[in-house]
Amino acid sequence: MKMNRLDTSDLDFYADLAALTAWSDERDDEVRDRVRDIIHAVRRRGDKALVELTNRFDRRDVDSVDALEVSAGEMQAALVRIPAAQREALEAAADRVRRYHVHQKQDSWSYREADGTLLGQQVTPLDRAGIYVPGGKAAYPSSVLMNAIPARVAGVQEIIMVSPSPDGEINDLVLAAAAIAGVDRLFTIGGAQAVAALAFGTESVPAVDKIVGPGNIYVAEAKRQVFGKVGIDMIAGPSEILVVCDGKTDPEWIAMDLLSQAEHDEEAQSILLSPDANFIDRVEACLHAALGKLEREEIARISLQTRGALIKAKDIDDCMAVVNVISPEHLELSIDDAEEWAKKVRHAGAIFLGRHTPEALGDYCAGPNHVLPTSATARFSSPLGVYDFQKRSSLIGCSEQGASELGKIASVLARGEGLTAHALSAELRIKNDTQ
């Protein structure tokens, strides 16, 4: 296996880096057309189309959406059925995720001006949220917790979960996580048809206000196409990790941290950035030695060969400059004084501080959300959180005096824009001081 090697001192470094990290979320015409047709079918034919599409794509043989819904009793039964160690681990992770996200909850606020005018913001939760949990190449009970718990903390009234169940098989851990996280209804449907059902509703699947959670290219394209009818969290790309290391961490640890992302998907990206050339060589040797231990060895190998990279930097300051260009989903700072260096990071989905903080802990149980911005979108977006499930309404309540004073300002501006009715509406509230 040969990995990409880059050096920040090369004249073409940033051009080569851009080419390596580029990942477009634009889909080809075939994907867009297929997704559009699926959405149209579900909108027009509801449950019937949902059943037909699920039978075709997930190799199911059902005759109604009722057969695709998992009852609350079945979720609870799975929670009882799984081994005690798994149940305890899920509950511990859920508790940590819940405690972290409680700190994100926003409250309504207001203030009164001297004339009695009230201004503020009223914060309310969404009525109904839809969470998409992947179920194709692997089972992701952790994604259930990360998507559903913030919604529940926000006060969402109803959480609808969808997750594909190829050949009718669904992981007990996923069902158990749904029970722990407080999912209200769970449908074993996936792909663009699941997104369409959540966006527009069918006879059996209720329409939601927002759809969150990652999926394949069809799910991502479907979320793009239904945005506006419903809210979405983000268009997620392949998972990424960027590890900055000064050469003082065990190279085997760093190699395994890189592999923890590479095993996700052939398009996942794992990058090491270090000023120590000898350390980079040692990590590469550890990568070769560790690959054979992985159940998903071939996936990880392809990921490292095609999108992985080992980058030699001048120093840690140079590393920070590269970090802010890449704007990674996951950033490990396996260096001395990591907390101080983190202050130089402007763009990253999650920052893992120090040598003892592998990204894998964030995936499962540290507490912060593992649904993160990918493909450099950390430049302008944030991890999934409670705030994604809350709405804000402005509060404006003018006193008589306040309306009079504001009316004078509004009148001038409205007439400047040529909006006469706006001006007159404001002017009618202006008090006549001569009376």
Protein backbone atom coordinates (compact mmCIF):
# COMPACT_ATOMS: atom_id res chain seq x y z
CA MET A 1 0.00 0.00 0.00
CA LYS A 2 1.39 3.39 -1.03
CA MET A 3 -0.01 6.52 0.60
CA ASN A 4 0.09 10.05 -0.73
CA ARG A 5 3.06 12.05 0.58
CA LEU A 6 3.04 15.85 0.66
CA ASP A 7 5.41 18.50 2.05
CA THR A 8 4.31 22.02 2.95
CA SER A 9 7.64 23.37 1.66
CA ASP A 10 6.85 22.30 -1.91
CA LEU A 11 5.82 25.13 -4.23
CA ASP A 12 2.71 23.28 -5.36
CA PHE A 13 1.72 22.07 -1.90
CA TYR A 14 -1.59 23.92 -1.53
CA ALA A 15 -2.66 23.05 -5.07
CA ASP A 16 -1.86 19.38 -4.43
CA LEU A 17 -3.66 19.55 -1.08
CA ALA A 18 -6.76 21.06 -2.72
CA ALA A 19 -6.82 18.27 -5.29
CA LEU A 20 -6.45 15.61 -2.60
CA THR A 21 -9.13 16.97 -0.28
CA ALA A 22 -11.62 17.97 -2.97
CA TRP A 23 -14.93 16.18 -2.69
CA SER A 24 -17.94 17.47 -4.54
CA ASP A 25 -21.45 16.91 -3.24
CA GLU A 26 -22.76 17.52 -6.75
CA ARG A 27 -24.40 14.43 -8.14
CA ASP A 28 -24.51 13.28 -11.70
CA ASP A 29 -27.68 13.63 -13.74
CA GLU A 30 -28.61 9.97 -13.25
CA VAL A 31 -28.61 10.24 -9.44
CA ARG A 32 -30.57 13.50 -9.48
CA ASP A 33 -33.15 12.11 -11.90
CA ARG A 34 -33.60 8.86 -9.98
CA VAL A 35 -34.04 10.71 -6.69
CA ARG A 36 -36.51 13.14 -8.26
CA ASP A 37 -38.54 10.22 -9.63
CA ILE A 38 -38.56 8.48 -6.23
CA ILE A 39 -39.69 11.63 -4.45
CA HIS A 40 -42.43 12.19 -7.03
CA ALA A 41 -43.64 8.60 -6.66
CA VAL A 42 -43.87 8.85 -2.87
CA ARG A 43 -45.64 12.22 -3.05
CA ARG A 44 -48.15 10.95 -5.57
CA ARG A 45 -48.77 7.39 -4.39
CA GLY A 46 -47.85 7.48 -0.69
CA ASP A 47 -47.70 4.17 1.14
CA LYS A 48 -48.06 2.12 -2.02
CA ALA A 49 -44.92 3.62 -3.58
CA LEU A 50 -43.07 3.35 -0.28
CA VAL A 51 -43.77 -0.37 -0.06
CA GLU A 52 -42.82 -1.00 -3.71
CA LEU A 53 -39.55 0.92 -3.43
CA THR A 54 -38.56 -0.69 -0.13
CA ASN A 55 -39.26 -4.18 -1.50
CA ARG A 56 -37.13 -3.40 -4.55
CA PHE A 57 -34.14 -1.69 -2.97
CA ASP A 58 -33.97 -3.52 0.38
CA ARG A 59 -35.01 -6.97 -0.85
CA ARG A 60 -38.10 -6.99 1.34
CA ASP A 61 -41.42 -8.75 0.73
CA VAL A 62 -44.09 -6.77 2.59
CA ASP A 63 -47.52 -5.61 1.54
CA SER A 64 -48.02 -2.58 3.81
CA VAL A 65 -46.12 0.12 5.67
CA ASP A 66 -47.50 -1.38 8.89
CA ALA A 67 -45.12 -4.28 8.30
CA LEU A 68 -42.23 -1.81 8.11
CA GLU A 69 -42.92 -0.14 11.46
CA VAL A 70 -41.20 -1.34 14.62
CA SER A 71 -43.40 -1.03 17.69
CA ALA A 72 -42.34 0.52 20.98
CA GLY A 73 -42.68 -2.94 22.50
CA GLU A 74 -40.18 -4.37 20.02
CA MET A 75 -37.70 -1.61 20.82
CA GLN A 76 -38.03 -2.32 24.54
CA ALA A 77 -37.71 -6.05 23.93
CA ALA A 78 -34.42 -5.49 22.10
CA LEU A 79 -33.18 -3.39 25.03
CA VAL A 80 -33.89 -6.31 27.35
CA ARG A 81 -32.50 -8.87 24.90
CA ILE A 82 -29.04 -7.43 24.26
CA PRO A 83 -26.16 -8.47 26.55
CA ALA A 84 -25.95 -6.53 29.80
CA ALA A 85 -22.55 -5.06 28.89
CA GLN A 86 -23.98 -3.57 25.68
CA ARG A 87 -27.06 -2.22 27.46
CA GLU A 88 -24.94 -0.59 30.14
CA ALA A 89 -22.60 0.91 27.53
CA LEU A 90 -25.52 2.36 25.56
CA GLU A 91 -27.10 3.81 28.70
CA ALA A 92 -23.80 5.32 29.85
CA ALA A 93 -23.20 6.86 26.43
CA ALA A 94 -26.76 8.21 26.29
CA ASP A 95 -26.38 9.78 29.71
CA ARG A 96 -23.16 11.54 28.70
CA VAL A 97 -24.66 12.77 25.41
CA ARG A 98 -27.75 14.05 27.24
CA ARG A 99 -25.75 15.86 29.93
CA TYR A 100 -23.58 17.60 27.32
CA HIS A 101 -26.49 18.71 25.17
CA VAL A 102 -28.48 20.13 28.09
CA HIS A 103 -25.89 22.94 28.15
CA GLN A 104 -26.85 23.89 24.58
CA LYS A 105 -30.51 24.51 25.27
CA GLN A 106 -31.51 28.10 24.58
CA ASP A 107 -34.16 29.95 26.58
CA SER A 108 -36.50 32.75 25.59
CA TRP A 109 -35.45 36.26 26.61
CA SER A 110 -36.81 39.79 26.49
CA TYR A 111 -36.19 43.27 27.80
CA ARG A 112 -38.19 46.50 28.13
CA GLU A 113 -36.98 49.85 27.00
CA ALA A 114 -37.54 52.98 29.07
CA ASP A 115 -40.79 53.84 27.23
CA GLY A 116 -42.25 50.38 27.90
CA THR A 117 -41.52 48.81 24.50
CA LEU A 118 -40.81 45.08 24.78
CA LEU A 119 -38.21 43.39 22.57
CA GLY A 120 -36.98 39.83 22.75
CA GLN A 121 -36.87 36.35 21.39
CA GLN A 122 -39.21 33.43 22.00
CA VAL A 123 -37.57 30.01 21.66
CA THR A 124 -39.75 27.00 20.87
CA PRO A 125 -38.97 23.41 19.85
CA LEU A 126 -39.93 21.82 16.55
CA ASP A 127 -43.20 19.88 16.68
CA ARG A 128 -41.83 16.81 14.90
CA ALA A 129 -38.33 15.76 13.81
CA GLY A 130 -37.21 12.98 11.49
CA ILE A 131 -33.90 11.22 12.07
CA TYR A 132 -32.21 9.12 9.41
CA VAL A 133 -29.93 6.36 10.70
CA PRO A 134 -27.84 4.46 8.10
CA GLY A 135 -28.27 0.72 8.00
CA GLY A 136 -26.50 -0.55 4.91
CA LYS A 137 -22.79 -1.32 5.32
CA ALA A 138 -22.92 -1.26 9.13
CA ALA A 139 -25.24 -0.67 12.09
CA TYR A 140 -24.96 2.66 13.91
CA PRO A 141 -26.67 2.69 17.32
CA SER A 142 -24.43 5.63 18.24
CA SER A 143 -26.06 7.66 15.46
CA VAL A 144 -29.46 7.00 17.02
CA LEU A 145 -28.28 8.56 20.29
CA MET A 146 -26.55 11.50 18.60
CA ASN A 147 -29.59 12.43 16.50
CA ALA A 148 -32.49 11.68 18.85
CA ILE A 149 -31.16 12.88 22.20
CA PRO A 150 -30.59 16.54 21.19
CA ALA A 151 -34.11 16.58 19.73
CA ARG A 152 -35.52 15.25 22.98
CA VAL A 153 -33.51 17.74 25.06
CA ALA A 154 -34.84 20.54 22.84
CA GLY A 155 -38.38 19.48 23.68
CA VAL A 156 -39.43 18.09 20.27
CA GLN A 157 -42.87 16.57 20.70
CA GLU A 158 -42.43 13.60 18.36
CA ILE A 159 -39.32 11.91 16.95
CA ILE A 160 -39.75 9.75 13.84
CA MET A 161 -36.80 7.50 13.00
CA VAL A 162 -36.15 5.79 9.67
CA SER A 163 -33.42 3.23 9.06
CA PRO A 164 -33.07 0.78 6.16
CA SER A 165 -33.35 -2.91 6.94
CA PRO A 166 -31.91 -4.88 3.99
CA ASP A 167 -33.40 -8.38 3.83
CA GLY A 168 -35.57 -7.46 6.81
CA GLU A 169 -32.71 -7.58 9.30
CA ILE A 170 -32.28 -4.77 11.82
CA ASN A 171 -29.64 -4.68 14.51
CA ASP A 172 -30.82 -5.16 18.10
CA LEU A 173 -28.41 -2.47 19.27
CA VAL A 174 -30.09 0.03 16.95
CA LEU A 175 -33.52 -0.86 18.35
CA ALA A 176 -32.22 -0.70 21.91
CA ALA A 177 -30.66 2.71 21.27
CA ALA A 178 -33.98 3.94 19.89
CA ALA A 179 -35.69 2.85 23.10
CA ILE A 180 -33.09 4.56 25.29
CA ALA A 181 -33.13 7.79 23.24
CA GLY A 182 -36.92 8.12 23.32
CA VAL A 183 -37.74 7.57 19.64
CA ASP A 184 -41.54 7.67 19.24
CA ARG A 185 -41.94 5.78 15.96
CA LEU A 186 -39.45 3.75 13.92
CA PHE A 187 -39.87 2.69 10.28
CA THR A 188 -37.48 0.25 8.61
CA ILE A 189 -37.24 2.24 5.41
CA GLY A 190 -34.25 3.99 3.90
CA GLY A 191 -32.89 5.78 0.87
CA ALA A 192 -34.51 8.64 -1.00
CA GLN A 193 -37.95 7.10 -0.41
CA ALA A 194 -37.55 7.46 3.37
CA VAL A 195 -36.53 11.11 3.02
CA ALA A 196 -39.51 11.75 0.76
CA ALA A 197 -41.90 10.10 3.22
CA LEU A 198 -40.58 12.25 6.09
CA ALA A 199 -40.74 15.41 4.01
CA PHE A 200 -44.22 15.04 2.52
CA GLY A 201 -45.86 12.38 4.66
CA THR A 202 -47.81 9.33 3.54
CA GLU A 203 -50.91 7.64 4.88
CA SER A 204 -48.73 5.96 7.54
CA VAL A 205 -45.56 8.04 7.90
CA PRO A 206 -46.16 11.53 9.35
CA ALA A 207 -44.52 14.54 7.74
CA VAL A 208 -41.81 16.16 9.89
CA ASP A 209 -40.47 19.68 10.26
CA LYS A 210 -36.78 18.81 9.90
CA ILE A 211 -34.73 15.81 8.71
CA VAL A 212 -31.32 15.12 10.26
CA GLY A 213 -28.75 12.37 9.97
CA PRO A 214 -26.25 11.13 7.37
CA GLY A 215 -26.79 8.69 4.52
CA ASN A 216 -25.51 7.64 1.11
CA ILE A 217 -25.51 9.77 -2.04
CA TYR A 218 -29.21 9.12 -2.65
CA VAL A 219 -30.11 10.25 0.85
CA ALA A 220 -27.94 13.35 0.52
CA GLU A 221 -29.47 14.25 -2.84
CA ALA A 222 -32.99 13.63 -1.52
CA LYS A 223 -32.34 15.96 1.42
CA ARG A 224 -31.14 18.59 -1.00
CA GLN A 225 -34.26 18.26 -3.14
CA VAL A 226 -36.76 18.41 -0.26
CA PHE A 227 -35.05 21.33 1.49
CA GLY A 228 -37.49 24.20 1.68
CA LYS A 229 -40.44 21.89 2.27
CA VAL A 230 -38.64 20.75 5.42
CA GLY A 231 -35.47 21.81 7.17
CA ILE A 232 -32.31 19.71 6.98
CA ASP A 233 -29.17 19.62 9.09
CA MET A 234 -26.51 19.42 6.36
CA ILE A 235 -25.42 17.61 3.20
CA ALA A 236 -22.87 15.20 4.63
CA GLY A 237 -19.85 13.93 2.72
CA PRO A 238 -17.39 11.14 3.58
CA SER A 239 -15.94 11.06 7.08
CA GLU A 240 -12.58 12.79 7.67
CA ILE A 241 -9.85 12.94 10.27
CA LEU A 242 -6.81 15.20 10.43
CA VAL A 243 -4.23 14.31 13.08
CA VAL A 244 -1.58 16.84 14.05
CA CYS A 245 1.26 15.20 15.95
CA ASP A 246 4.62 16.52 17.11
CA GLY A 247 6.20 13.07 17.00
CA LYS A 248 5.97 12.38 20.73
CA THR A 249 2.88 10.13 20.67
CA ASP A 250 3.11 6.37 20.19
CA PRO A 251 2.99 5.92 16.38
CA GLU A 252 0.76 2.86 16.78
CA TRP A 253 -1.86 5.04 18.50
CA ILE A 254 -1.80 7.55 15.65
CA ALA A 255 -1.97 4.83 13.01
CA MET A 256 -5.07 3.35 14.63
CA ASP A 257 -6.68 6.79 14.90
CA LEU A 258 -6.19 7.23 11.16
CA LEU A 259 -7.60 3.78 10.47
CA SER A 260 -10.66 4.52 12.61
CA GLN A 261 -11.85 6.84 9.85
CA ALA A 262 -10.49 4.88 6.89
CA GLU A 263 -12.59 1.84 7.80
CA HIS A 264 -15.83 3.84 7.48
CA ASP A 265 -15.89 4.06 3.71
CA GLU A 266 -13.66 3.89 0.65
CA GLU A 267 -14.07 7.68 0.26
CA ALA A 268 -13.25 8.49 3.89
CA GLN A 269 -10.15 10.62 4.38
CA SER A 270 -7.36 10.19 6.94
CA ILE A 271 -4.49 12.70 7.05
CA LEU A 272 -1.44 12.94 9.32
CA LEU A 273 0.31 16.31 9.64
CA SER A 274 3.65 16.39 11.45
CA PRO A 275 6.97 18.29 11.45
CA ASP A 276 8.81 15.03 12.25
CA ALA A 277 9.69 13.11 9.06
CA ASN A 278 10.98 10.08 10.97
CA PHE A 279 7.73 9.89 12.95
CA ILE A 280 5.71 9.97 9.72
CA ASP A 281 7.69 6.95 8.48
CA ARG A 282 7.04 5.08 11.73
CA VAL A 283 3.30 5.79 11.53
CA GLU A 284 3.21 4.51 7.94
CA ALA A 285 4.89 1.28 9.05
CA CYS A 286 2.31 0.90 11.82
CA LEU A 287 -0.51 1.43 9.30
CA HIS A 288 0.78 -1.44 7.18
CA ALA A 289 1.10 -3.69 10.23
CA ALA A 290 -2.37 -2.85 11.57
CA LEU A 291 -4.39 -3.16 8.37
CA GLY A 292 -4.50 -6.95 8.55
CA LYS A 293 -6.20 -6.79 11.96
CA LEU A 294 -9.29 -5.03 10.61
CA GLU A 295 -12.54 -6.71 9.64
CA ARG A 296 -12.96 -3.96 7.02
CA GLU A 297 -9.37 -4.18 5.81
CA GLU A 298 -10.09 -3.70 2.10
CA ILE A 299 -12.28 -0.64 2.69
CA ALA A 300 -9.58 0.95 4.85
CA ARG A 301 -6.84 0.09 2.35
CA ILE A 302 -8.67 1.75 -0.54
CA SER A 303 -9.43 4.81 1.59
CA LEU A 304 -5.78 5.26 2.60
CA GLN A 305 -4.44 4.71 -0.91
CA THR A 306 -6.86 7.01 -2.71
CA ARG A 307 -7.63 9.80 -0.22
CA GLY A 308 -5.24 9.36 2.69
CA ALA A 309 -2.10 11.46 3.11
CA LEU A 310 1.05 11.85 5.20
CA ILE A 311 2.12 15.50 5.26
CA LYS A 312 5.46 16.88 6.43
CA ALA A 313 5.17 20.40 7.88
CA LYS A 314 7.83 22.91 8.97
CA ASP A 315 6.60 23.23 12.56
CA ILE A 316 3.39 23.26 14.60
CA ASP A 317 2.58 26.82 13.52
CA ASP A 318 2.78 25.61 9.94
CA CYS A 319 0.47 22.72 10.88
CA MET A 320 -2.14 25.15 12.20
CA ALA A 321 -2.13 27.05 8.91
CA VAL A 322 -2.84 23.81 7.04
CA VAL A 323 -5.56 22.84 9.54
CA ASN A 324 -7.49 26.03 8.81
CA VAL A 325 -7.26 25.42 5.08
CA ILE A 326 -8.52 21.83 5.32
CA SER A 327 -11.24 22.73 7.89
CA PRO A 328 -11.58 19.08 8.94
CA GLU A 329 -14.57 17.25 10.36
CA HIS A 330 -12.43 15.67 13.12
CA LEU A 331 -9.18 17.24 14.29
CA GLU A 332 -6.83 15.51 16.73
CA LEU A 333 -4.17 17.71 18.32
CA SER A 334 -1.80 15.06 19.63
CA ILE A 335 0.76 17.62 20.77
CA ASP A 336 2.06 19.40 23.84
CA ASP A 337 -0.13 22.29 25.07
CA ALA A 338 -3.03 21.16 22.89
CA GLU A 339 -5.52 23.45 24.64
CA GLU A 340 -3.43 26.50 23.81
CA TRP A 341 -2.82 25.45 20.21
CA ALA A 342 -6.56 24.83 19.79
CA LYS A 343 -7.10 28.59 20.12
CA LYS A 344 -5.44 28.95 16.71
CA VAL A 345 -7.98 26.63 15.08
CA ARG A 346 -10.68 28.61 13.29
CA HIS A 347 -12.34 25.82 11.32
CA ALA A 348 -13.03 22.28 12.60
CA GLY A 349 -16.11 20.23 13.38
CA ALA A 350 -14.68 18.73 16.59
CA ILE A 351 -11.27 19.21 18.20
CA PHE A 352 -9.75 16.36 20.22
CA LEU A 353 -7.19 17.66 22.69
CA GLY A 354 -4.02 15.81 23.70
CA ARG A 355 -2.50 12.40 23.24
CA HIS A 356 -5.14 10.52 25.21
CA THR A 357 -8.19 11.71 23.27
CA PRO A 358 -8.79 9.54 20.20
CA GLU A 359 -11.60 10.55 17.86
CA ALA A 360 -13.28 7.18 18.48
CA LEU A 361 -14.30 8.33 21.96
CA GLY A 362 -16.19 11.21 20.39
CA ASP A 363 -17.99 8.84 18.06
CA TYR A 364 -19.56 6.96 20.94
CA CYS A 365 -19.55 8.37 24.40
CA ALA A 366 -17.57 11.54 25.14
CA GLY A 367 -20.75 13.64 24.98
CA PRO A 368 -20.45 16.13 22.08
CA ASN A 369 -22.33 15.24 18.92
CA HIS A 370 -20.66 13.12 16.27
CA VAL A 371 -22.80 14.52 13.44
CA LEU A 372 -20.30 17.05 12.13
CA PRO A 373 -19.72 19.28 9.11
CA THR A 374 -17.61 17.61 6.41
CA SER A 375 -15.89 18.67 3.17
CA ALA A 376 -14.57 21.95 4.62
CA THR A 377 -18.08 23.13 5.56
CA ALA A 378 -16.78 23.65 9.11
CA ARG A 379 -15.86 27.09 7.72
CA PHE A 380 -19.51 28.08 8.09
CA SER A 381 -21.42 25.34 9.92
CA SER A 382 -21.45 23.55 13.25
CA PRO A 383 -22.07 20.12 14.79
CA LEU A 384 -25.65 18.91 15.16
CA GLY A 385 -27.06 20.17 18.43
CA VAL A 386 -30.09 21.12 20.46
CA TYR A 387 -30.19 24.44 18.58
CA ASP A 388 -31.02 22.50 15.38
CA PHE A 389 -34.32 21.49 16.95
CA GLN A 390 -35.30 24.90 18.31
CA LYS A 391 -36.82 27.87 16.49
CA ARG A 392 -36.58 31.51 17.43
CA SER A 393 -39.41 34.05 17.04
CA SER A 394 -38.71 37.76 17.46
CA LEU A 395 -40.86 39.59 20.01
CA ILE A 396 -41.78 43.23 19.35
CA GLY A 397 -44.35 45.02 21.51
CA CYS A 398 -44.42 48.81 21.22
CA SER A 399 -45.80 51.10 23.85
CA GLU A 400 -47.74 54.14 22.61
CA GLN A 401 -44.70 56.36 23.06
CA GLY A 402 -42.38 53.78 21.52
CA ALA A 403 -44.58 53.37 18.43
CA SER A 404 -44.62 57.12 17.98
CA GLU A 405 -40.83 57.47 18.09
CA LEU A 406 -40.17 54.40 15.92
CA GLY A 407 -42.87 55.55 13.51
CA LYS A 408 -40.90 58.71 12.74
CA ILE A 409 -37.82 56.66 11.80
CA ALA A 410 -39.80 54.09 9.82
CA SER A 411 -41.66 56.81 7.93
CA VAL A 412 -38.47 58.39 6.62
CA LEU A 413 -37.00 55.05 5.54
CA ALA A 414 -40.22 53.77 3.98
CA ARG A 415 -40.72 56.90 1.91
CA GLY A 416 -37.09 56.65 0.85
CA GLU A 417 -37.88 53.17 -0.50
CA GLY A 418 -41.05 54.36 -2.20
CA LEU A 419 -43.28 52.19 0.00
CA THR A 420 -46.11 54.60 0.78
CA ALA A 421 -48.37 52.18 2.67
CA HIS A 422 -45.50 51.26 4.97
CA ALA A 423 -44.92 54.94 5.69
CA LEU A 424 -48.60 55.69 6.30
CA SER A 425 -48.98 52.65 8.57
CA ALA A 426 -46.11 53.92 10.72
CA GLU A 427 -47.27 57.56 10.59
CA LEU A 428 -50.73 56.69 11.93
CA ARG A 429 -49.05 55.69 15.21
CA ILE A 430 -47.16 58.99 15.58
CA LYS A 431 -48.57 61.07 18.41
CA ASN A 432 -49.51 64.65 17.63
CA ASP A 433 -47.63 66.59 20.31
CA THR A 434 -49.78 69.71 19.72
CA GLN A 435 -52.94 67.94 20.87
